[in-house]
Amino acid sequence: MPSKYNPLLAAIGEKIVNRREELGMTATELAIQADITPSSLSLYESGQRVMGVDKLHRIAAALKVPLSYFQADELDRFSDYSSEMMSLMEQLRDLPLDKQRMMIKMFSAQIATL
């Protein structure tokens, strides 16, 4: 089922399209090599569907790229964060969802006062 627009999924989809076109592959050829349906590939390329790691791995193999190819830009966003910020994010991630929401509200309120 298609999902609403997600910029991260769209960025991954764009990388799939760009690499596929670099290799001179059609979408149908990639779908066959990755053992997915052409309609699913279309949704992945347009960023309208979340794919499992298994499918992303098959797409990466067909495109002759490592999995990290799809995440490099996203991981670069975190390179400017201090180690303290990364530690805090890890601690926040380990909290139950309701506590995460509470902490995010507290952080947001505090930041608004700066």
Protein backbone atom coordinates (compact mmCIF):
# COMPACT_ATOMS: atom_id res chain seq x y z
CA MET A 1 0.00 0.00 0.00
CA PRO A 2 1.48 3.39 -0.96
CA SER A 3 2.35 5.68 1.92
CA LYS A 4 2.37 9.45 2.06
CA TYR A 5 5.45 11.30 0.83
CA ASN A 6 8.54 10.73 2.94
CA PRO A 7 11.69 12.71 2.06
CA LEU A 8 14.03 9.92 3.17
CA LEU A 9 12.22 7.35 1.02
CA ALA A 10 12.22 9.82 -1.87
CA ALA A 11 15.99 10.31 -1.50
CA ILE A 12 16.57 6.55 -1.56
CA GLY A 13 14.25 6.23 -4.56
CA GLU A 14 16.14 8.97 -6.38
CA LYS A 15 19.41 7.13 -5.75
CA ILE A 16 17.90 3.94 -7.16
CA VAL A 17 16.77 5.77 -10.31
CA ASN A 18 20.08 7.60 -10.74
CA ARG A 19 22.16 4.44 -10.40
CA ARG A 20 19.82 2.43 -12.62
CA GLU A 21 20.10 5.08 -15.32
CA GLU A 22 23.90 5.22 -14.90
CA LEU A 23 23.97 1.51 -15.69
CA GLY A 24 21.61 1.96 -18.65
CA MET A 25 19.00 -0.31 -17.05
CA THR A 26 15.29 -0.06 -17.50
CA ALA A 27 13.02 -0.30 -14.48
CA THR A 28 11.78 -3.66 -15.73
CA GLU A 29 15.33 -5.02 -16.00
CA LEU A 30 16.12 -3.91 -12.46
CA ALA A 31 12.89 -5.37 -11.13
CA ILE A 32 13.68 -8.73 -12.74
CA GLN A 33 17.27 -8.75 -11.43
CA ALA A 34 16.15 -7.75 -7.93
CA ASP A 35 13.25 -10.24 -7.99
CA ILE A 36 10.57 -7.64 -7.25
CA THR A 37 7.57 -6.56 -9.26
CA PRO A 38 7.91 -3.57 -11.58
CA SER A 39 4.99 -1.89 -9.77
CA SER A 40 6.77 -2.24 -6.41
CA LEU A 41 9.97 -0.86 -7.89
CA SER A 42 8.02 2.11 -9.22
CA LEU A 43 6.68 2.83 -5.74
CA TYR A 44 10.17 2.50 -4.22
CA GLU A 45 11.69 4.79 -6.83
CA SER A 46 9.02 7.42 -6.24
CA GLY A 47 9.42 7.19 -2.46
CA GLN A 48 5.84 6.06 -1.94
CA ARG A 49 6.53 2.70 -0.31
CA VAL A 50 8.75 1.52 2.51
CA MET A 51 10.90 -1.46 1.55
CA GLY A 52 12.44 -4.07 3.77
CA VAL A 53 16.18 -4.42 4.06
CA ASP A 54 15.97 -7.68 2.11
CA LYS A 55 14.51 -5.88 -0.90
CA LEU A 56 16.93 -2.97 -0.60
CA HIS A 57 19.77 -5.50 -0.45
CA ARG A 58 18.55 -7.19 -3.65
CA ILE A 59 18.24 -3.81 -5.38
CA ALA A 60 21.73 -2.84 -4.22
CA ALA A 61 23.14 -6.12 -5.54
CA ALA A 62 21.44 -5.64 -8.91
CA LEU A 63 22.80 -2.07 -9.06
CA LYS A 64 26.27 -3.26 -7.98
CA VAL A 65 26.46 -0.91 -4.99
CA PRO A 66 26.80 -1.51 -1.24
CA LEU A 67 23.82 -0.86 1.03
CA SER A 68 25.64 2.19 2.38
CA TYR A 69 25.21 3.81 -1.06
CA PHE A 70 21.60 4.52 -0.14
CA GLN A 71 22.37 6.02 3.28
CA ALA A 72 25.51 8.09 2.82
CA ASP A 73 23.76 11.46 2.63
CA GLU A 74 21.49 10.66 5.54
CA LEU A 75 24.41 9.52 7.70
CA ASP A 76 26.34 12.69 6.80
CA ARG A 77 23.65 14.73 8.55
CA PHE A 78 24.77 13.23 11.85
CA SER A 79 28.48 13.92 11.39
CA ASP A 80 28.11 17.46 12.78
CA TYR A 81 26.48 16.32 16.01
CA SER A 82 28.62 16.29 19.12
CA SER A 83 29.23 13.03 20.93
CA GLU A 84 27.04 14.34 23.76
CA MET A 85 24.16 14.92 21.34
CA MET A 86 24.57 11.44 19.84
CA SER A 87 24.61 9.90 23.33
CA LEU A 88 21.46 11.81 24.26
CA MET A 89 19.73 10.63 21.07
CA GLU A 90 20.64 7.01 21.88
CA GLN A 91 19.27 7.37 25.40
CA LEU A 92 16.09 8.94 24.07
CA ARG A 93 15.67 6.12 21.55
CA ASP A 94 15.80 3.54 24.37
CA LEU A 95 12.92 5.15 26.27
CA PRO A 96 9.31 4.00 25.84
CA LEU A 97 7.45 5.98 23.17
CA ASP A 98 5.36 7.98 25.64
CA LYS A 99 8.51 9.06 27.49
CA GLN A 100 10.18 9.96 24.18
CA ARG A 101 7.24 12.22 23.32
CA MET A 102 7.37 13.82 26.76
CA MET A 103 11.11 14.50 26.43
CA ILE A 104 10.71 15.93 22.92
CA LYS A 105 8.02 18.32 24.19
CA MET A 106 10.33 19.38 27.03
CA PHE A 107 13.25 19.92 24.64
CA SER A 108 11.07 21.86 22.24
CA ALA A 109 9.75 24.11 25.02
CA GLN A 110 13.27 24.75 26.30
CA ILE A 111 14.63 25.50 22.82
CA ALA A 112 11.79 27.95 22.22
CA THR A 113 13.00 30.01 25.17
CA LEU A 114 16.55 30.35 23.80
